[in-house]
Amino acid sequence: MTAFMDDLRIRAAAFCDRFGLRLPILLAPMAGACPPSLSIAVMHSGGFGACAALLMQPDEMESWVVEVRANSDGPFQINLWIPDPPPVRDCSHEARVREFSYPAGARRFLKTPVL
């Protein structure tokens, strides 16, 4: 167990060195819940700030960065989430999965109909 803990400490120290952190603390980017003040507080405490830009327009992202940079010189991330395209449906395959997943006897207990 000691070797495992030593390895974790070494990895945490390397991470902190790489990003200029005093503590291996990362703010989780949460859409709609990452005001600049929160990242600034985390960065002042020695951690890594974050901006979840999912719901933001480019000018809002720029304003966020300007405010954070005016109040801290610590590291931060901007999380840009881009969704995958919708999957292509394969009705035949889906029917086979339903047949396998819900044997005939189990179907009568389902609250919603199986399509």
N, C-alpha and C. Protein backbone atom coordinates (compact mmCIF):
# COMPACT_ATOMS: atom_id res chain seq x y z
N MET A 1 0.81 -1.20 0.00
CA MET A 1 0.00 0.00 0.00
C MET A 1 0.86 1.26 0.00
N THR A 2 2.00 1.20 0.67
CA THR A 2 2.88 2.37 0.74
C THR A 2 3.40 2.75 -0.63
N ALA A 3 3.78 1.77 -1.44
CA ALA A 3 4.27 2.06 -2.79
C ALA A 3 3.18 2.70 -3.63
N PHE A 4 1.97 2.22 -3.46
CA PHE A 4 0.84 2.79 -4.19
C PHE A 4 0.63 4.25 -3.81
N MET A 5 0.65 4.54 -2.51
CA MET A 5 0.47 5.91 -2.04
C MET A 5 1.62 6.80 -2.49
N ASP A 6 2.84 6.26 -2.46
CA ASP A 6 4.00 7.03 -2.94
C ASP A 6 3.82 7.38 -4.41
N ASP A 7 3.34 6.42 -5.20
CA ASP A 7 3.12 6.66 -6.63
C ASP A 7 2.08 7.76 -6.83
N LEU A 8 1.02 7.72 -6.04
CA LEU A 8 -0.02 8.76 -6.15
C LEU A 8 0.55 10.13 -5.81
N ARG A 9 1.37 10.20 -4.78
CA ARG A 9 1.96 11.48 -4.39
C ARG A 9 2.90 12.00 -5.49
N ILE A 10 3.66 11.12 -6.08
CA ILE A 10 4.57 11.50 -7.16
C ILE A 10 3.78 12.02 -8.35
N ARG A 11 2.72 11.31 -8.71
CA ARG A 11 1.89 11.74 -9.84
C ARG A 11 1.20 13.07 -9.56
N ALA A 12 0.70 13.25 -8.32
CA ALA A 12 0.06 14.52 -7.96
C ALA A 12 1.06 15.66 -8.01
N ALA A 13 2.27 15.43 -7.51
CA ALA A 13 3.31 16.47 -7.54
C ALA A 13 3.69 16.81 -8.97
N ALA A 14 3.79 15.82 -9.83
CA ALA A 14 4.12 16.06 -11.24
C ALA A 14 3.01 16.87 -11.92
N PHE A 15 1.77 16.55 -11.61
CA PHE A 15 0.64 17.30 -12.16
C PHE A 15 0.71 18.75 -11.71
N CYS A 16 0.93 18.97 -10.42
CA CYS A 16 1.02 20.33 -9.89
C CYS A 16 2.17 21.09 -10.54
N ASP A 17 3.31 20.45 -10.68
CA ASP A 17 4.45 21.11 -11.33
C ASP A 17 4.12 21.48 -12.77
N ARG A 18 3.48 20.58 -13.47
CA ARG A 18 3.17 20.82 -14.89
C ARG A 18 2.27 22.03 -15.07
N PHE A 19 1.29 22.21 -14.18
CA PHE A 19 0.32 23.29 -14.35
C PHE A 19 0.50 24.46 -13.38
N GLY A 20 1.58 24.44 -12.61
CA GLY A 20 1.86 25.55 -11.72
C GLY A 20 0.89 25.65 -10.55
N LEU A 21 0.47 24.52 -10.01
CA LEU A 21 -0.47 24.49 -8.90
C LEU A 21 0.26 24.28 -7.57
N ARG A 22 -0.31 24.81 -6.50
CA ARG A 22 0.20 24.49 -5.16
C ARG A 22 -0.49 23.25 -4.61
N LEU A 23 -1.73 23.02 -5.05
CA LEU A 23 -2.51 21.87 -4.59
C LEU A 23 -3.14 21.17 -5.79
N PRO A 24 -3.26 19.84 -5.75
CA PRO A 24 -3.89 19.12 -6.87
C PRO A 24 -5.42 19.19 -6.80
N ILE A 25 -5.94 20.41 -6.88
CA ILE A 25 -7.39 20.64 -6.80
C ILE A 25 -7.85 21.23 -8.13
N LEU A 26 -8.83 20.58 -8.73
CA LEU A 26 -9.39 21.05 -10.00
C LEU A 26 -10.87 21.36 -9.80
N LEU A 27 -11.26 22.55 -10.21
CA LEU A 27 -12.67 22.90 -10.19
C LEU A 27 -13.35 22.15 -11.33
N ALA A 28 -14.45 21.49 -11.04
CA ALA A 28 -15.19 20.78 -12.09
C ALA A 28 -15.96 21.79 -12.92
N PRO A 29 -15.79 21.77 -14.24
CA PRO A 29 -16.56 22.69 -15.08
C PRO A 29 -18.02 22.23 -15.15
N MET A 30 -18.92 23.07 -14.64
CA MET A 30 -20.34 22.73 -14.58
C MET A 30 -21.12 23.81 -15.31
N ALA A 31 -21.77 23.43 -16.39
CA ALA A 31 -22.49 24.40 -17.21
C ALA A 31 -23.47 25.20 -16.38
N GLY A 32 -23.36 26.50 -16.44
CA GLY A 32 -24.26 27.38 -15.72
C GLY A 32 -23.90 27.58 -14.26
N ALA A 33 -22.84 26.94 -13.79
CA ALA A 33 -22.48 27.03 -12.37
C ALA A 33 -20.99 27.31 -12.16
N CYS A 34 -20.37 28.02 -13.08
CA CYS A 34 -18.94 28.32 -12.96
C CYS A 34 -18.69 29.82 -13.13
N PRO A 35 -19.16 30.63 -12.20
CA PRO A 35 -18.91 32.06 -12.33
C PRO A 35 -17.41 32.34 -12.17
N PRO A 36 -16.94 33.42 -12.75
CA PRO A 36 -15.53 33.77 -12.61
C PRO A 36 -15.08 33.80 -11.15
N SER A 37 -15.93 34.29 -10.26
CA SER A 37 -15.55 34.41 -8.84
C SER A 37 -15.19 33.05 -8.23
N LEU A 38 -15.85 31.99 -8.64
CA LEU A 38 -15.56 30.66 -8.12
C LEU A 38 -14.18 30.20 -8.59
N SER A 39 -13.90 30.37 -9.88
CA SER A 39 -12.58 29.99 -10.38
C SER A 39 -11.48 30.84 -9.75
N ILE A 40 -11.75 32.12 -9.58
CA ILE A 40 -10.76 33.00 -8.96
C ILE A 40 -10.44 32.52 -7.55
N ALA A 41 -11.46 32.14 -6.79
CA ALA A 41 -11.25 31.64 -5.43
C ALA A 41 -10.43 30.35 -5.44
N VAL A 42 -10.75 29.44 -6.35
CA VAL A 42 -10.01 28.18 -6.44
C VAL A 42 -8.56 28.46 -6.83
N MET A 43 -8.37 29.35 -7.80
CA MET A 43 -7.02 29.68 -8.25
C MET A 43 -6.21 30.37 -7.15
N HIS A 44 -6.83 31.25 -6.37
CA HIS A 44 -6.13 31.90 -5.25
C HIS A 44 -5.76 30.89 -4.18
N SER A 45 -6.50 29.79 -4.10
CA SER A 45 -6.21 28.74 -3.12
C SER A 45 -5.14 27.77 -3.61
N GLY A 46 -4.67 27.96 -4.84
CA GLY A 46 -3.62 27.10 -5.37
C GLY A 46 -4.11 26.02 -6.30
N GLY A 47 -5.39 26.06 -6.67
CA GLY A 47 -5.96 25.03 -7.55
C GLY A 47 -6.16 25.52 -8.97
N PHE A 48 -6.87 24.72 -9.74
CA PHE A 48 -7.09 24.90 -11.17
C PHE A 48 -8.53 25.36 -11.39
N GLY A 49 -8.72 26.54 -11.95
CA GLY A 49 -10.05 27.06 -12.22
C GLY A 49 -10.68 26.42 -13.43
N ALA A 50 -11.97 26.68 -13.64
CA ALA A 50 -12.66 26.07 -14.78
C ALA A 50 -13.85 26.91 -15.23
N CYS A 51 -14.06 26.88 -16.52
CA CYS A 51 -15.23 27.52 -17.14
C CYS A 51 -15.92 26.47 -18.01
N ALA A 52 -17.18 26.21 -17.72
CA ALA A 52 -17.96 25.32 -18.57
C ALA A 52 -18.67 26.19 -19.59
N ALA A 53 -18.22 26.14 -20.83
CA ALA A 53 -18.69 27.06 -21.86
C ALA A 53 -19.86 26.52 -22.67
N LEU A 54 -20.44 25.42 -22.25
CA LEU A 54 -21.52 24.78 -23.00
C LEU A 54 -22.66 25.74 -23.33
N LEU A 55 -23.06 26.56 -22.38
CA LEU A 55 -24.21 27.44 -22.56
C LEU A 55 -23.80 28.87 -22.91
N MET A 56 -22.52 29.09 -23.16
CA MET A 56 -22.01 30.46 -23.36
C MET A 56 -21.79 30.77 -24.83
N GLN A 57 -22.02 32.04 -25.17
CA GLN A 57 -21.68 32.56 -26.50
C GLN A 57 -20.22 33.02 -26.46
N PRO A 58 -19.57 33.17 -27.62
CA PRO A 58 -18.16 33.58 -27.63
C PRO A 58 -17.87 34.84 -26.83
N ASP A 59 -18.72 35.85 -26.90
CA ASP A 59 -18.47 37.08 -26.14
C ASP A 59 -18.57 36.84 -24.64
N GLU A 60 -19.42 35.91 -24.21
CA GLU A 60 -19.52 35.56 -22.79
C GLU A 60 -18.26 34.84 -22.32
N MET A 61 -17.72 33.96 -23.17
CA MET A 61 -16.47 33.28 -22.83
C MET A 61 -15.34 34.30 -22.68
N GLU A 62 -15.29 35.24 -23.61
CA GLU A 62 -14.25 36.26 -23.55
C GLU A 62 -14.38 37.10 -22.28
N SER A 63 -15.58 37.48 -21.92
CA SER A 63 -15.81 38.26 -20.68
C SER A 63 -15.37 37.46 -19.46
N TRP A 64 -15.67 36.16 -19.46
CA TRP A 64 -15.28 35.30 -18.35
C TRP A 64 -13.76 35.32 -18.20
N VAL A 65 -13.06 35.13 -19.32
CA VAL A 65 -11.59 35.10 -19.29
C VAL A 65 -11.03 36.46 -18.84
N VAL A 66 -11.57 37.54 -19.37
CA VAL A 66 -11.09 38.87 -19.00
C VAL A 66 -11.22 39.10 -17.49
N GLU A 67 -12.37 38.74 -16.93
CA GLU A 67 -12.57 38.91 -15.49
C GLU A 67 -11.64 38.05 -14.67
N VAL A 68 -11.48 36.78 -15.08
CA VAL A 68 -10.59 35.88 -14.35
C VAL A 68 -9.15 36.37 -14.43
N ARG A 69 -8.70 36.75 -15.61
CA ARG A 69 -7.32 37.21 -15.78
C ARG A 69 -7.06 38.52 -15.03
N ALA A 70 -8.08 39.35 -14.87
CA ALA A 70 -7.91 40.61 -14.14
C ALA A 70 -7.74 40.37 -12.64
N ASN A 71 -8.16 39.19 -12.18
CA ASN A 71 -8.14 38.91 -10.74
C ASN A 71 -7.24 37.77 -10.31
N SER A 72 -6.63 37.07 -11.25
CA SER A 72 -5.75 35.95 -10.91
C SER A 72 -4.87 35.62 -12.10
N ASP A 73 -3.69 35.12 -11.79
CA ASP A 73 -2.80 34.68 -12.88
C ASP A 73 -2.63 33.16 -12.87
N GLY A 74 -3.47 32.46 -12.13
CA GLY A 74 -3.38 31.01 -12.05
C GLY A 74 -3.95 30.33 -13.28
N PRO A 75 -3.76 29.01 -13.36
CA PRO A 75 -4.24 28.26 -14.51
C PRO A 75 -5.74 27.97 -14.43
N PHE A 76 -6.35 27.86 -15.60
CA PHE A 76 -7.75 27.47 -15.68
C PHE A 76 -7.98 26.75 -17.00
N GLN A 77 -9.10 26.08 -17.08
CA GLN A 77 -9.50 25.40 -18.31
C GLN A 77 -10.84 25.95 -18.78
N ILE A 78 -11.05 25.87 -20.08
CA ILE A 78 -12.36 26.18 -20.65
C ILE A 78 -12.85 24.89 -21.29
N ASN A 79 -13.96 24.39 -20.80
CA ASN A 79 -14.51 23.12 -21.27
C ASN A 79 -15.50 23.40 -22.39
N LEU A 80 -15.11 23.04 -23.59
CA LEU A 80 -15.98 23.19 -24.76
C LEU A 80 -16.53 21.82 -25.12
N TRP A 81 -17.80 21.61 -24.87
CA TRP A 81 -18.43 20.32 -25.14
C TRP A 81 -19.13 20.40 -26.48
N ILE A 82 -18.78 19.49 -27.34
CA ILE A 82 -19.40 19.43 -28.66
C ILE A 82 -20.03 18.04 -28.78
N PRO A 83 -21.35 17.98 -28.89
CA PRO A 83 -22.01 16.67 -28.91
C PRO A 83 -21.70 15.89 -30.19
N ASP A 84 -21.73 14.57 -30.04
CA ASP A 84 -21.60 13.69 -31.20
C ASP A 84 -22.85 13.82 -32.06
N PRO A 85 -22.74 13.47 -33.32
CA PRO A 85 -23.95 13.48 -34.14
C PRO A 85 -24.91 12.40 -33.65
N PRO A 86 -26.20 12.56 -33.91
CA PRO A 86 -27.15 11.54 -33.47
C PRO A 86 -26.80 10.19 -34.09
N PRO A 87 -27.00 9.12 -33.33
CA PRO A 87 -26.68 7.80 -33.87
C PRO A 87 -27.65 7.42 -34.99
N VAL A 88 -27.17 6.59 -35.87
CA VAL A 88 -28.01 6.06 -36.95
C VAL A 88 -28.79 4.89 -36.37
N ARG A 89 -30.11 4.93 -36.49
CA ARG A 89 -30.96 3.88 -35.94
C ARG A 89 -30.92 2.64 -36.84
N ASP A 90 -30.93 1.48 -36.22
CA ASP A 90 -31.00 0.21 -36.93
C ASP A 90 -32.14 -0.57 -36.28
N CYS A 91 -33.33 -0.44 -36.83
CA CYS A 91 -34.53 -1.03 -36.23
C CYS A 91 -34.44 -2.55 -36.11
N SER A 92 -33.82 -3.19 -37.09
CA SER A 92 -33.68 -4.65 -37.05
C SER A 92 -32.80 -5.07 -35.87
N HIS A 93 -31.69 -4.40 -35.70
CA HIS A 93 -30.79 -4.71 -34.59
C HIS A 93 -31.48 -4.42 -33.25
N GLU A 94 -32.17 -3.29 -33.17
CA GLU A 94 -32.86 -2.94 -31.94
C GLU A 94 -33.91 -4.00 -31.58
N ALA A 95 -34.61 -4.52 -32.58
CA ALA A 95 -35.61 -5.57 -32.33
C ALA A 95 -34.93 -6.83 -31.78
N ARG A 96 -33.78 -7.19 -32.34
CA ARG A 96 -33.06 -8.37 -31.84
C ARG A 96 -32.61 -8.17 -30.40
N VAL A 97 -32.14 -6.96 -30.06
CA VAL A 97 -31.71 -6.68 -28.69
C VAL A 97 -32.90 -6.78 -27.75
N ARG A 98 -34.05 -6.23 -28.16
CA ARG A 98 -35.25 -6.33 -27.33
C ARG A 98 -35.65 -7.78 -27.12
N GLU A 99 -35.62 -8.58 -28.16
CA GLU A 99 -35.98 -10.00 -28.03
C GLU A 99 -35.05 -10.72 -27.06
N PHE A 100 -33.77 -10.38 -27.13
CA PHE A 100 -32.79 -11.01 -26.24
C PHE A 100 -32.96 -10.50 -24.81
N SER A 101 -33.18 -9.20 -24.66
CA SER A 101 -33.22 -8.58 -23.34
C SER A 101 -34.51 -8.86 -22.58
N TYR A 102 -35.63 -9.01 -23.30
CA TYR A 102 -36.92 -9.18 -22.66
C TYR A 102 -37.59 -10.45 -23.18
N PRO A 103 -37.30 -11.60 -22.55
CA PRO A 103 -37.97 -12.83 -22.98
C PRO A 103 -39.48 -12.68 -22.90
N ALA A 104 -40.18 -13.49 -23.66
CA ALA A 104 -41.64 -13.37 -23.79
C ALA A 104 -42.35 -13.27 -22.45
N GLY A 105 -41.94 -14.05 -21.48
CA GLY A 105 -42.60 -14.03 -20.17
C GLY A 105 -42.39 -12.73 -19.42
N ALA A 106 -41.26 -12.07 -19.63
CA ALA A 106 -40.95 -10.85 -18.89
C ALA A 106 -41.70 -9.65 -19.46
N ARG A 107 -42.13 -9.70 -20.70
CA ARG A 107 -42.76 -8.54 -21.33
C ARG A 107 -44.04 -8.11 -20.63
N ARG A 108 -44.77 -9.06 -20.10
CA ARG A 108 -46.04 -8.70 -19.48
C ARG A 108 -45.85 -7.84 -18.23
N PHE A 109 -44.61 -7.80 -17.68
CA PHE A 109 -44.35 -7.01 -16.48
C PHE A 109 -43.85 -5.61 -16.79
N LEU A 110 -43.58 -5.32 -18.04
CA LEU A 110 -43.09 -4.01 -18.41
C LEU A 110 -44.20 -2.97 -18.30
N LYS A 111 -43.89 -1.82 -17.73
CA LYS A 111 -44.87 -0.75 -17.57
C LYS A 111 -45.09 -0.01 -18.88
N THR A 112 -44.05 0.10 -19.70
CA THR A 112 -44.18 0.79 -20.97
C THR A 112 -44.04 -0.22 -22.09
N PRO A 113 -44.70 -0.02 -23.20
CA PRO A 113 -44.60 -0.98 -24.29
C PRO A 113 -43.21 -0.99 -24.90
N VAL A 114 -42.80 -2.16 -25.32
CA VAL A 114 -41.53 -2.31 -26.03
C VAL A 114 -41.81 -2.05 -27.49
N LEU A 115 -41.04 -1.13 -28.07
CA LEU A 115 -41.25 -0.79 -29.48
C LEU A 115 -40.53 -1.74 -30.40
